[in-house]
Amino acid sequence: MTSSSKIAVRELPLFPLPEVVLFPTRPLPLHIFEFRYRIMMNTILESDRRFGVLMIDPTKGTIANVGCCAEILTSTRNHLAARSVLKDTFNEME
């Protein structure tokens, strides 16, 4: 890897969603009702408004190893609208 092709790595808070994916041009309305996720979203709103979304299979309880970086577009009390940040953001998450 050359110095010009370094990849920036950062940690994102993760939000698992059942059978849901995000698209860059389609805002996804979210109702945040679990207290732990409301705290997480408040923290995200105070920073750069980005978080990771991973798809979860509710029948198996497993989380996919791919996801995307999401950005909060709008927020009200317990409701958010988020979208995928980039067109090609489905990469393996660790």
N, C-alpha and C. Protein backbone atom coordinates (compact mmCIF):
# COMPACT_ATOMS: atom_id res chain seq x y z
N MET A 1 0.85 -1.17 0.00
CA MET A 1 0.00 0.00 0.00
C MET A 1 0.89 1.23 0.00
N THR A 2 0.65 2.14 -0.91
CA THR A 2 1.42 3.37 -0.95
C THR A 2 0.84 4.38 0.01
N SER A 3 1.62 5.41 0.31
CA SER A 3 1.14 6.42 1.26
C SER A 3 -0.08 7.16 0.74
N SER A 4 -0.25 7.23 -0.57
CA SER A 4 -1.41 7.94 -1.13
C SER A 4 -2.69 7.11 -1.10
N SER A 5 -2.57 5.81 -0.80
CA SER A 5 -3.76 4.96 -0.79
C SER A 5 -4.13 4.47 0.61
N LYS A 6 -3.75 5.22 1.63
CA LYS A 6 -4.09 4.85 3.00
C LYS A 6 -5.59 4.96 3.21
N ILE A 7 -6.12 4.04 3.97
CA ILE A 7 -7.55 4.03 4.27
C ILE A 7 -7.74 4.50 5.70
N ALA A 8 -8.61 5.47 5.87
CA ALA A 8 -8.91 5.95 7.22
C ALA A 8 -9.87 4.98 7.89
N VAL A 9 -9.55 4.61 9.10
CA VAL A 9 -10.39 3.70 9.87
C VAL A 9 -10.87 4.44 11.10
N ARG A 10 -12.14 4.30 11.41
CA ARG A 10 -12.68 4.91 12.61
C ARG A 10 -13.78 4.03 13.18
N GLU A 11 -14.02 4.19 14.44
CA GLU A 11 -15.08 3.44 15.09
C GLU A 11 -16.38 4.22 14.99
N LEU A 12 -17.46 3.50 14.74
CA LEU A 12 -18.79 4.10 14.68
C LEU A 12 -19.70 3.37 15.66
N PRO A 13 -20.61 4.09 16.29
CA PRO A 13 -21.64 3.40 17.06
C PRO A 13 -22.49 2.57 16.10
N LEU A 14 -22.88 1.38 16.49
CA LEU A 14 -23.63 0.49 15.60
C LEU A 14 -25.09 0.40 15.99
N PHE A 15 -25.94 0.43 14.97
CA PHE A 15 -27.38 0.36 15.16
C PHE A 15 -27.90 -0.80 14.31
N PRO A 16 -28.21 -1.95 14.91
CA PRO A 16 -28.73 -3.08 14.13
C PRO A 16 -30.20 -2.87 13.79
N LEU A 17 -30.56 -3.16 12.56
CA LEU A 17 -31.95 -3.02 12.11
C LEU A 17 -32.40 -4.32 11.47
N PRO A 18 -33.62 -4.78 11.78
CA PRO A 18 -34.11 -6.04 11.20
C PRO A 18 -34.47 -5.88 9.73
N GLU A 19 -33.76 -6.65 8.91
CA GLU A 19 -34.07 -6.74 7.48
C GLU A 19 -34.20 -5.38 6.80
N VAL A 20 -33.29 -4.45 7.13
CA VAL A 20 -33.33 -3.10 6.57
C VAL A 20 -31.95 -2.74 6.05
N VAL A 21 -31.91 -2.10 4.89
CA VAL A 21 -30.68 -1.51 4.38
C VAL A 21 -30.96 -0.05 4.04
N LEU A 22 -29.91 0.74 3.97
CA LEU A 22 -30.04 2.16 3.65
C LEU A 22 -29.51 2.43 2.26
N PHE A 23 -30.07 3.43 1.61
CA PHE A 23 -29.62 3.86 0.30
C PHE A 23 -29.26 5.35 0.37
N PRO A 24 -28.29 5.80 -0.44
CA PRO A 24 -27.84 7.19 -0.35
C PRO A 24 -28.90 8.23 -0.69
N THR A 25 -29.81 7.92 -1.57
CA THR A 25 -30.78 8.93 -2.00
C THR A 25 -32.14 8.78 -1.34
N ARG A 26 -32.29 7.82 -0.46
CA ARG A 26 -33.58 7.54 0.18
C ARG A 26 -33.49 7.68 1.70
N PRO A 27 -34.01 8.75 2.26
CA PRO A 27 -34.03 8.85 3.73
C PRO A 27 -34.89 7.74 4.33
N LEU A 28 -34.44 7.20 5.44
CA LEU A 28 -35.17 6.16 6.14
C LEU A 28 -35.65 6.72 7.47
N PRO A 29 -36.97 6.82 7.66
CA PRO A 29 -37.47 7.30 8.96
C PRO A 29 -37.28 6.22 10.02
N LEU A 30 -36.80 6.63 11.17
CA LEU A 30 -36.56 5.71 12.28
C LEU A 30 -37.26 6.23 13.53
N HIS A 31 -37.92 5.33 14.23
CA HIS A 31 -38.50 5.67 15.54
C HIS A 31 -37.62 5.00 16.59
N ILE A 32 -36.94 5.80 17.38
CA ILE A 32 -36.01 5.29 18.38
C ILE A 32 -36.75 5.18 19.70
N PHE A 33 -37.03 3.95 20.14
CA PHE A 33 -37.83 3.77 21.35
C PHE A 33 -37.05 3.14 22.50
N GLU A 34 -35.99 2.37 22.19
CA GLU A 34 -35.20 1.77 23.27
C GLU A 34 -34.29 2.83 23.89
N PHE A 35 -34.28 2.87 25.21
CA PHE A 35 -33.54 3.90 25.94
C PHE A 35 -32.06 3.93 25.54
N ARG A 36 -31.42 2.75 25.42
CA ARG A 36 -29.99 2.71 25.09
C ARG A 36 -29.72 3.32 23.73
N TYR A 37 -30.63 3.13 22.77
CA TYR A 37 -30.43 3.70 21.44
C TYR A 37 -30.78 5.19 21.42
N ARG A 38 -31.69 5.62 22.26
CA ARG A 38 -31.97 7.05 22.37
C ARG A 38 -30.75 7.79 22.91
N ILE A 39 -30.08 7.19 23.89
CA ILE A 39 -28.85 7.79 24.41
C ILE A 39 -27.78 7.82 23.32
N MET A 40 -27.64 6.71 22.59
CA MET A 40 -26.66 6.63 21.52
C MET A 40 -26.93 7.70 20.46
N MET A 41 -28.19 7.85 20.05
CA MET A 41 -28.51 8.83 19.02
C MET A 41 -28.28 10.26 19.51
N ASN A 42 -28.55 10.54 20.77
CA ASN A 42 -28.25 11.87 21.32
C ASN A 42 -26.75 12.15 21.26
N THR A 43 -25.95 11.15 21.57
CA THR A 43 -24.49 11.30 21.49
C THR A 43 -24.06 11.54 20.05
N ILE A 44 -24.65 10.81 19.11
CA ILE A 44 -24.33 10.96 17.69
C ILE A 44 -24.71 12.36 17.21
N LEU A 45 -25.86 12.85 17.63
CA LEU A 45 -26.30 14.19 17.23
C LEU A 45 -25.36 15.28 17.73
N GLU A 46 -24.66 15.02 18.82
CA GLU A 46 -23.71 16.00 19.37
C GLU A 46 -22.36 15.93 18.67
N SER A 47 -22.15 14.92 17.83
CA SER A 47 -20.88 14.80 17.11
C SER A 47 -21.10 15.02 15.62
N ASP A 48 -20.63 14.10 14.79
CA ASP A 48 -20.72 14.30 13.34
C ASP A 48 -21.96 13.68 12.70
N ARG A 49 -22.91 13.20 13.50
CA ARG A 49 -24.19 12.67 13.05
C ARG A 49 -24.09 11.36 12.27
N ARG A 50 -22.98 10.64 12.41
CA ARG A 50 -22.79 9.39 11.66
C ARG A 50 -22.77 8.18 12.58
N PHE A 51 -23.31 7.07 12.05
CA PHE A 51 -23.32 5.81 12.79
C PHE A 51 -23.36 4.66 11.80
N GLY A 52 -23.02 3.48 12.25
CA GLY A 52 -23.05 2.30 11.39
C GLY A 52 -24.37 1.57 11.51
N VAL A 53 -24.86 1.08 10.39
CA VAL A 53 -26.09 0.29 10.38
C VAL A 53 -25.75 -1.11 9.90
N LEU A 54 -26.14 -2.09 10.70
CA LEU A 54 -25.96 -3.50 10.35
C LEU A 54 -27.31 -4.17 10.29
N MET A 55 -27.51 -5.01 9.28
CA MET A 55 -28.77 -5.72 9.16
C MET A 55 -28.77 -6.91 10.12
N ILE A 56 -29.89 -7.10 10.81
CA ILE A 56 -30.04 -8.21 11.74
C ILE A 56 -31.16 -9.12 11.22
N ASP A 57 -30.96 -10.42 11.36
CA ASP A 57 -31.99 -11.40 11.00
C ASP A 57 -32.78 -11.69 12.27
N PRO A 58 -34.03 -11.19 12.37
CA PRO A 58 -34.79 -11.36 13.61
C PRO A 58 -35.16 -12.81 13.91
N THR A 59 -35.24 -13.65 12.90
CA THR A 59 -35.60 -15.05 13.14
C THR A 59 -34.43 -15.83 13.75
N LYS A 60 -33.21 -15.47 13.36
CA LYS A 60 -32.02 -16.17 13.86
C LYS A 60 -31.31 -15.38 14.96
N GLY A 61 -31.57 -14.08 15.02
CA GLY A 61 -30.87 -13.25 15.99
C GLY A 61 -29.42 -12.98 15.63
N THR A 62 -29.09 -13.16 14.35
CA THR A 62 -27.71 -12.94 13.91
C THR A 62 -27.58 -11.58 13.24
N ILE A 63 -26.38 -11.03 13.34
CA ILE A 63 -26.09 -9.73 12.72
C ILE A 63 -25.21 -9.98 11.51
N ALA A 64 -25.51 -9.30 10.42
CA ALA A 64 -24.73 -9.44 9.20
C ALA A 64 -23.33 -8.87 9.40
N ASN A 65 -22.37 -9.36 8.62
CA ASN A 65 -21.01 -8.83 8.71
C ASN A 65 -20.76 -7.73 7.69
N VAL A 66 -21.82 -7.23 7.07
CA VAL A 66 -21.71 -6.07 6.19
C VAL A 66 -22.70 -5.01 6.67
N GLY A 67 -22.40 -3.78 6.35
CA GLY A 67 -23.28 -2.69 6.76
C GLY A 67 -22.91 -1.43 6.02
N CYS A 68 -23.40 -0.32 6.51
CA CYS A 68 -23.09 0.95 5.87
C CYS A 68 -22.97 2.04 6.91
N CYS A 69 -22.35 3.12 6.50
CA CYS A 69 -22.23 4.30 7.33
C CYS A 69 -23.44 5.17 7.05
N ALA A 70 -24.18 5.52 8.10
CA ALA A 70 -25.39 6.32 7.95
C ALA A 70 -25.17 7.70 8.56
N GLU A 71 -25.96 8.64 8.09
CA GLU A 71 -25.89 10.01 8.57
C GLU A 71 -27.30 10.47 8.94
N ILE A 72 -27.45 11.08 10.10
CA ILE A 72 -28.75 11.61 10.50
C ILE A 72 -29.01 12.89 9.73
N LEU A 73 -30.13 12.93 9.02
CA LEU A 73 -30.51 14.11 8.25
C LEU A 73 -31.37 15.06 9.08
N THR A 74 -32.37 14.51 9.74
CA THR A 74 -33.27 15.31 10.57
C THR A 74 -33.56 14.56 11.86
N SER A 75 -33.94 15.30 12.88
CA SER A 75 -34.30 14.65 14.13
C SER A 75 -35.34 15.47 14.88
N THR A 76 -36.26 14.76 15.49
CA THR A 76 -37.20 15.34 16.43
C THR A 76 -37.15 14.45 17.66
N ARG A 77 -38.00 14.64 18.59
CA ARG A 77 -37.90 13.97 19.89
C ARG A 77 -37.38 12.53 19.83
N ASN A 78 -38.11 11.60 19.30
CA ASN A 78 -37.67 10.20 19.20
C ASN A 78 -37.69 9.69 17.77
N HIS A 79 -37.74 10.60 16.82
CA HIS A 79 -37.80 10.22 15.41
C HIS A 79 -36.62 10.82 14.66
N LEU A 80 -36.04 10.02 13.77
CA LEU A 80 -34.92 10.45 12.96
C LEU A 80 -35.17 10.09 11.51
N ALA A 81 -34.48 10.77 10.62
CA ALA A 81 -34.40 10.34 9.23
C ALA A 81 -32.91 10.20 8.95
N ALA A 82 -32.51 9.04 8.43
CA ALA A 82 -31.11 8.77 8.15
C ALA A 82 -30.98 8.25 6.74
N ARG A 83 -29.78 8.39 6.19
CA ARG A 83 -29.50 7.85 4.86
C ARG A 83 -28.08 7.35 4.83
N SER A 84 -27.78 6.51 3.85
CA SER A 84 -26.42 6.03 3.65
C SER A 84 -25.56 7.20 3.20
N VAL A 85 -24.33 7.26 3.68
CA VAL A 85 -23.46 8.39 3.39
C VAL A 85 -22.89 8.32 1.98
N LEU A 86 -22.45 7.14 1.56
CA LEU A 86 -21.82 6.99 0.25
C LEU A 86 -22.55 5.96 -0.59
N LYS A 87 -22.31 6.00 -1.88
CA LYS A 87 -22.96 5.04 -2.77
C LYS A 87 -22.44 3.63 -2.56
N ASP A 88 -21.17 3.48 -2.23
CA ASP A 88 -20.56 2.15 -2.09
C ASP A 88 -20.04 1.99 -0.68
N THR A 89 -20.94 1.80 0.29
CA THR A 89 -20.51 1.72 1.68
C THR A 89 -20.71 0.35 2.29
N PHE A 90 -21.05 -0.64 1.50
CA PHE A 90 -21.25 -1.97 2.06
C PHE A 90 -19.91 -2.69 2.11
N ASN A 91 -19.25 -2.58 3.23
CA ASN A 91 -17.96 -3.22 3.46
C ASN A 91 -18.07 -4.10 4.69
N GLU A 92 -17.17 -5.04 4.78
CA GLU A 92 -17.19 -5.93 5.95
C GLU A 92 -16.88 -5.14 7.21
N MET A 93 -17.70 -5.38 8.24
CA MET A 93 -17.52 -4.70 9.52
C MET A 93 -16.84 -5.67 10.47
N GLU A 94 -15.99 -5.16 11.32
CA GLU A 94 -15.32 -6.00 12.32
C GLU A 94 -15.83 -5.65 13.69
